[in-house]
Amino acid sequence: MRRLRTVCTIVSSLALIAAAGCTPEAGDPPAPVTPSPAPAASAAPPVSYACESGQSITVAYPDTATAQLTYKAQAYTLRTVQSASGARYAGSGLEWWTATRDGSESATLSRLGPNEDVGVAVLERCSRPSSGPIAPGPVPGPQPAPGGVLPASAPCKGPQLKLSADGGDAGAGNRIAILGVQNVGAQACSLTGYPTVVLQDRQGRNLTTIRSDQTLGSYFRQGQAPTPVELAPQAKAFFDIAWNVVPHEGQGERACPSAARIRMTAPGDTSPVSLDQTFTPCGGRIQVSPFRPVAEPARAA
């Protein structure tokens, strides 16, 4: 009986050893398991903005605090930040600022400064109708001017342009300057959309605290969409700059910055032209109209 008990003990020990040889080592991690995808939350479809440079920017707004922006095949996530008007998002070195007026949504894409707080260099100026989303797709080409005429000339470039002061208006704390853009070159050219406007101080430094907002139409006739302006040699196109001269004390502004020079860049170009002009825009922004073929259109009834 004792011998049989000993044999059973040996057999049981061998069985345990064999079983131990078939189990994985304790240090081996378990094989990764792909988690089941979480149900996707319903999100608004992305919208596409057409920019003056010919680029398009597609933006998804998954919630009220986020903008997921795609620009030149790169994706960026921005978060909402405080703004005096419109919707402003910042992050990933970029600032995206939108505003809606008269059935159109305008937007500006800027590069953030070193403090990652304020946009210091405008990259794109874009727009889209505000009535509903636009599916991403090709950027629309130039639209015909009244009469169905498309611009027949190449876009105007900085070296063939000259900037001049061609009038203005004032009242109730508001000011407006009408600026002329003359084609001083030997060939015809065209201007479509909005100029890029930057203000500088007497030392030639950009006033980065002053933003340029696009407005439909002009100071004298609101709500008109941009149309191509054809410039023969020596001919002029015009646009407005409007600003306020009353300090915004509610925003902590006691004195308004002094601008000494206007620098304008034509759409799709990188060569600015300048005009010395001293004024004091308050509230941190100016309004810029699109190009038009006459200095002072008839006032709306």
Protein backbone atom coordinates (compact mmCIF):
# COMPACT_ATOMS: atom_id res chain seq x y z
CA MET A 1 0.00 0.00 0.00
CA ARG A 2 2.87 2.40 0.89
CA ARG A 3 4.57 1.64 -2.49
CA LEU A 4 1.34 2.32 -4.39
CA ARG A 5 0.91 5.64 -2.54
CA THR A 6 4.50 6.62 -3.49
CA VAL A 7 3.93 5.79 -7.17
CA CYS A 8 0.75 7.92 -7.23
CA THR A 9 2.63 10.82 -5.67
CA ILE A 10 5.37 10.63 -8.36
CA VAL A 11 2.80 10.45 -11.18
CA SER A 12 0.92 13.45 -9.77
CA SER A 13 4.13 15.49 -9.54
CA LEU A 14 5.06 14.67 -13.15
CA ALA A 15 1.59 15.72 -14.29
CA LEU A 16 1.93 19.08 -12.54
CA ILE A 17 5.37 19.68 -14.10
CA ALA A 18 4.01 18.86 -17.57
CA ALA A 19 1.09 21.20 -17.10
CA ALA A 20 3.40 23.97 -15.92
CA GLY A 21 5.52 23.58 -19.07
CA CYS A 22 2.46 24.28 -21.24
CA THR A 23 1.42 27.57 -19.54
CA PRO A 24 2.84 30.96 -20.68
CA GLU A 25 5.47 32.73 -18.57
CA ALA A 26 4.13 35.21 -15.99
CA GLY A 27 6.09 38.11 -17.54
CA ASP A 28 4.49 37.88 -20.98
CA PRO A 29 1.84 40.61 -21.56
CA PRO A 30 -1.52 39.57 -22.91
CA ALA A 31 -2.09 40.01 -26.60
CA PRO A 32 -3.55 43.46 -27.41
CA VAL A 33 -7.26 43.53 -27.91
CA THR A 34 -8.79 46.09 -30.23
CA PRO A 35 -11.55 47.84 -28.29
CA SER A 36 -14.95 48.06 -29.83
CA PRO A 37 -15.50 51.45 -31.38
CA ALA A 38 -17.61 53.80 -29.32
CA PRO A 39 -20.78 55.03 -30.93
CA ALA A 40 -20.00 58.16 -32.92
CA ALA A 41 -21.65 61.30 -31.68
CA SER A 42 -23.67 63.20 -34.20
CA ALA A 43 -21.61 66.13 -35.55
CA ALA A 44 -22.36 68.95 -37.94
CA PRO A 45 -20.99 68.40 -41.45
CA PRO A 46 -17.81 70.29 -42.36
CA VAL A 47 -18.09 73.53 -44.29
CA SER A 48 -15.78 74.93 -46.94
CA TYR A 49 -14.54 78.51 -47.24
CA ALA A 50 -13.24 79.99 -50.50
CA CYS A 51 -10.17 82.18 -49.99
CA GLU A 52 -8.84 85.11 -51.98
CA SER A 53 -5.59 83.26 -52.74
CA GLY A 54 -7.46 80.43 -54.51
CA GLN A 55 -7.05 78.03 -51.58
CA SER A 56 -9.99 76.50 -49.75
CA ILE A 57 -10.25 75.84 -46.03
CA THR A 58 -12.53 73.10 -44.70
CA VAL A 59 -13.67 73.40 -41.09
CA ALA A 60 -15.70 71.05 -38.91
CA TYR A 61 -17.31 72.38 -35.73
CA PRO A 62 -17.96 69.25 -33.65
CA ASP A 63 -19.07 71.35 -30.67
CA THR A 64 -19.38 74.98 -29.66
CA ALA A 65 -15.79 75.13 -28.39
CA THR A 66 -13.82 73.40 -31.16
CA ALA A 67 -12.87 74.05 -34.77
CA GLN A 68 -11.16 71.24 -36.72
CA LEU A 69 -9.52 73.00 -39.64
CA THR A 70 -7.96 71.51 -42.79
CA TYR A 71 -5.65 73.81 -44.75
CA LYS A 72 -3.20 72.76 -47.49
CA ALA A 73 -3.79 69.08 -46.64
CA GLN A 74 -2.82 69.63 -42.98
CA ALA A 75 -5.26 69.21 -40.09
CA TYR A 76 -5.35 71.54 -37.07
CA THR A 77 -7.49 71.55 -33.92
CA LEU A 78 -8.32 74.96 -32.46
CA ARG A 79 -10.29 75.93 -29.35
CA THR A 80 -12.57 78.89 -28.87
CA VAL A 81 -11.10 82.02 -27.26
CA GLN A 82 -12.56 85.34 -26.20
CA SER A 83 -13.35 87.87 -28.93
CA ALA A 84 -15.08 91.25 -29.08
CA SER A 85 -17.25 90.04 -31.97
CA GLY A 86 -17.74 86.97 -34.14
CA ALA A 87 -16.26 83.56 -33.30
CA ARG A 88 -12.53 83.24 -32.67
CA TYR A 89 -10.52 80.01 -32.32
CA ALA A 90 -6.82 79.55 -31.59
CA GLY A 91 -4.38 76.65 -31.36
CA SER A 92 -1.67 74.78 -33.29
CA GLY A 93 -0.02 78.13 -34.04
CA LEU A 94 -3.09 79.44 -35.89
CA GLU A 95 -6.01 81.77 -35.31
CA TRP A 96 -9.38 81.35 -37.08
CA TRP A 97 -11.79 84.28 -36.76
CA THR A 98 -15.24 84.28 -38.36
CA ALA A 99 -18.03 86.85 -38.55
CA THR A 100 -21.44 86.81 -40.25
CA ARG A 101 -23.07 89.80 -41.86
CA ASP A 102 -25.69 90.37 -44.57
CA GLY A 103 -25.95 86.72 -45.54
CA SER A 104 -22.21 86.06 -45.84
CA GLU A 105 -19.72 84.59 -43.41
CA SER A 106 -16.20 85.99 -43.65
CA ALA A 107 -13.20 84.36 -42.00
CA THR A 108 -9.54 85.18 -41.45
CA LEU A 109 -6.77 82.63 -40.89
CA SER A 110 -3.74 84.14 -39.15
CA ARG A 111 -0.45 82.93 -37.70
CA LEU A 112 -0.26 83.35 -33.92
CA GLY A 113 2.50 85.44 -32.39
CA PRO A 114 5.17 84.19 -29.99
CA ASN A 115 2.75 84.33 -27.05
CA GLU A 116 0.29 82.05 -28.91
CA ASP A 117 -2.46 84.55 -28.11
CA VAL A 118 -2.94 87.08 -30.91
CA GLY A 119 -2.76 86.60 -34.68
CA VAL A 120 0.12 88.64 -36.11
CA ALA A 121 0.22 87.65 -39.80
CA VAL A 122 -2.81 87.04 -42.01
CA LEU A 123 -2.47 83.86 -44.06
CA GLU A 124 -5.88 83.76 -45.76
CA ARG A 125 -9.04 85.82 -46.08
CA CYS A 126 -12.02 83.62 -46.91
CA SER A 127 -15.80 83.67 -47.14
CA ARG A 128 -18.88 81.54 -47.74
CA PRO A 129 -22.66 82.10 -47.77
CA SER A 130 -24.04 81.86 -44.26
CA SER A 131 -27.36 80.28 -45.25
CA GLY A 132 -26.04 76.72 -44.93
CA PRO A 133 -22.98 74.47 -45.13
CA ILE A 134 -21.03 74.07 -48.34
CA ALA A 135 -19.62 70.65 -49.14
CA PRO A 136 -15.82 70.61 -49.55
CA GLY A 137 -14.85 70.89 -53.18
CA PRO A 138 -13.06 73.01 -55.76
CA VAL A 139 -12.82 76.71 -55.06
CA PRO A 140 -15.16 78.62 -57.36
CA GLY A 141 -13.52 80.75 -60.03
CA PRO A 142 -14.09 84.46 -60.60
CA GLN A 143 -17.71 85.48 -60.93
CA PRO A 144 -18.89 87.74 -63.75
CA ALA A 145 -19.22 91.43 -63.06
CA PRO A 146 -22.53 93.17 -63.90
CA GLY A 147 -23.10 92.58 -67.62
CA GLY A 148 -21.66 89.06 -67.50
CA VAL A 149 -18.03 90.07 -68.15
CA LEU A 150 -15.25 88.05 -66.60
CA PRO A 151 -11.88 89.74 -66.00
CA ALA A 152 -9.85 89.32 -69.19
CA SER A 153 -6.53 90.35 -67.68
CA ALA A 154 -4.07 88.76 -65.31
CA PRO A 155 -4.40 89.69 -61.61
CA CYS A 156 -2.72 92.97 -60.67
CA LYS A 157 0.60 92.72 -58.81
CA GLY A 158 2.27 95.10 -56.38
CA PRO A 159 5.00 96.47 -58.72
CA GLN A 160 2.36 97.77 -61.18
CA LEU A 161 0.15 99.42 -58.53
CA LYS A 162 0.13 102.79 -56.77
CA LEU A 163 -1.95 103.65 -53.71
CA SER A 164 -3.55 107.09 -53.24
CA ALA A 165 -6.01 108.91 -50.96
CA ASP A 166 -9.19 109.75 -52.91
CA GLY A 167 -11.60 111.21 -50.38
CA GLY A 168 -13.42 110.21 -47.25
CA ASP A 169 -16.18 111.03 -44.81
CA ALA A 170 -16.71 111.51 -41.06
CA GLY A 171 -19.51 111.63 -38.54
CA ALA A 172 -20.60 110.46 -35.06
CA GLY A 173 -17.16 109.19 -34.13
CA ASN A 174 -16.75 107.21 -37.36
CA ARG A 175 -14.24 107.89 -40.11
CA ILE A 176 -13.76 106.57 -43.62
CA ALA A 177 -10.92 106.85 -46.14
CA ILE A 178 -11.47 106.11 -49.83
CA LEU A 179 -8.25 104.70 -51.28
CA GLY A 180 -7.42 104.50 -54.97
CA VAL A 181 -5.38 101.68 -56.51
CA GLN A 182 -3.91 102.80 -59.83
CA ASN A 183 -2.46 100.54 -62.51
CA VAL A 184 0.80 102.34 -63.35
CA GLY A 185 2.03 99.44 -65.52
CA ALA A 186 1.95 99.09 -69.28
CA GLN A 187 -0.46 96.11 -69.31
CA ALA A 188 -4.09 95.82 -68.19
CA CYS A 189 -4.76 93.83 -65.01
CA SER A 190 -7.70 92.95 -62.78
CA LEU A 191 -8.57 93.10 -59.09
CA THR A 192 -11.17 90.80 -57.53
CA GLY A 193 -12.19 90.60 -53.90
CA TYR A 194 -10.56 92.29 -50.93
CA PRO A 195 -7.16 93.89 -50.41
CA THR A 196 -5.04 92.73 -47.49
CA VAL A 197 -4.50 95.81 -45.33
CA VAL A 198 -1.89 96.21 -42.59
CA LEU A 199 -1.32 99.39 -40.57
CA GLN A 200 2.13 100.52 -39.45
CA ASP A 201 3.48 103.07 -36.98
CA ARG A 202 6.04 105.81 -37.68
CA GLN A 203 8.89 103.33 -37.21
CA GLY A 204 7.48 101.02 -39.89
CA ARG A 205 6.35 98.38 -37.38
CA ASN A 206 3.09 96.51 -37.99
CA LEU A 207 0.30 97.43 -35.57
CA THR A 208 -0.59 93.85 -34.75
CA THR A 209 -3.26 94.89 -32.24
CA ILE A 210 -5.42 96.28 -35.06
CA ARG A 211 -7.34 93.77 -37.14
CA SER A 212 -8.80 94.27 -40.63
CA ASP A 213 -12.37 92.99 -41.02
CA GLN A 214 -13.93 92.50 -44.45
CA THR A 215 -17.35 94.03 -45.12
CA LEU A 216 -19.71 93.43 -48.00
CA GLY A 217 -20.15 96.49 -50.22
CA SER A 218 -18.76 99.88 -49.28
CA TYR A 219 -19.42 102.52 -46.67
CA PHE A 220 -21.89 104.18 -49.06
CA ARG A 221 -23.59 101.01 -50.35
CA GLN A 222 -23.77 98.04 -48.01
CA GLY A 223 -24.31 94.37 -48.85
CA GLN A 224 -22.80 94.23 -52.36
CA ALA A 225 -20.69 91.16 -53.12
CA PRO A 226 -17.20 91.59 -54.62
CA THR A 227 -17.01 91.73 -58.45
CA PRO A 228 -13.97 91.84 -60.75
CA VAL A 229 -12.57 95.27 -61.60
CA GLU A 230 -10.68 95.54 -64.90
CA LEU A 231 -7.87 98.12 -64.87
CA ALA A 232 -6.47 99.51 -68.11
CA PRO A 233 -3.08 101.24 -67.80
CA GLN A 234 -3.43 104.35 -65.59
CA ALA A 235 -6.98 103.37 -64.52
CA LYS A 236 -8.01 103.11 -60.86
CA ALA A 237 -9.99 100.81 -58.62
CA PHE A 238 -11.13 101.90 -55.15
CA PHE A 239 -11.80 100.49 -51.69
CA ASP A 240 -12.69 101.91 -48.27
CA ILE A 241 -11.13 101.76 -44.83
CA ALA A 242 -13.54 102.63 -42.01
CA TRP A 243 -12.72 103.04 -38.32
CA ASN A 244 -13.93 104.57 -35.07
CA VAL A 245 -12.12 107.36 -33.20
CA VAL A 246 -13.80 106.99 -29.78
CA PRO A 247 -11.81 104.93 -27.23
CA HIS A 248 -13.60 101.75 -26.16
CA GLU A 249 -13.41 102.44 -22.43
CA GLY A 250 -15.59 99.44 -21.65
CA GLN A 251 -12.77 97.27 -23.00
CA GLY A 252 -10.14 99.18 -21.01
CA GLU A 253 -9.01 101.37 -23.90
CA ARG A 254 -8.02 104.86 -22.76
CA ALA A 255 -6.01 105.98 -25.79
CA CYS A 256 -6.17 104.75 -29.38
CA PRO A 257 -3.05 103.61 -31.28
CA SER A 258 -1.62 105.95 -33.91
CA ALA A 259 -1.18 104.61 -37.44
CA ALA A 260 1.18 106.38 -39.84
CA ARG A 261 1.13 104.14 -42.91
CA ILE A 262 -1.27 101.89 -44.81
CA ARG A 263 0.18 98.83 -46.54
CA MET A 264 -2.03 97.08 -49.09
CA THR A 265 -1.45 93.76 -50.84
CA ALA A 266 -3.53 92.73 -53.85
CA PRO A 267 -5.36 89.38 -53.70
CA GLY A 268 -3.04 86.45 -54.41
CA ASP A 269 0.08 88.67 -54.32
CA THR A 270 2.87 89.14 -51.78
CA SER A 271 4.24 92.57 -52.83
CA PRO A 272 2.61 95.37 -50.80
CA VAL A 273 2.22 99.01 -51.78
CA SER A 274 2.16 101.76 -49.14
CA LEU A 275 0.56 105.13 -48.47
CA ASP A 276 1.55 107.47 -45.64
CA GLN A 277 -1.58 108.46 -43.73
CA THR A 278 -1.89 109.31 -40.05
CA PHE A 279 -5.03 108.36 -38.11
CA THR A 280 -6.05 106.78 -34.80
CA PRO A 281 -8.30 103.71 -35.12
CA CYS A 282 -9.95 102.72 -31.85
CA GLY A 283 -11.39 99.40 -30.75
CA GLY A 284 -8.61 97.26 -32.22
CA ARG A 285 -10.08 96.94 -35.72
CA ILE A 286 -10.77 98.61 -39.04
CA GLN A 287 -13.27 97.62 -41.74
CA VAL A 288 -12.14 97.05 -45.33
CA SER A 289 -14.43 96.96 -48.35
CA PRO A 290 -13.89 95.00 -51.59
CA PHE A 291 -12.51 96.66 -54.72
CA ARG A 292 -14.97 98.63 -56.87
CA PRO A 293 -14.61 100.57 -60.14
CA VAL A 294 -15.75 104.02 -58.91
CA ALA A 295 -14.58 106.18 -56.01
CA GLU A 296 -17.95 107.01 -54.53
CA PRO A 297 -20.98 104.98 -55.65
CA ALA A 298 -24.45 106.44 -55.43
CA ARG A 299 -25.81 106.17 -51.91
CA ALA A 300 -28.48 103.57 -51.31
CA ALA A 301 -31.98 104.98 -51.09
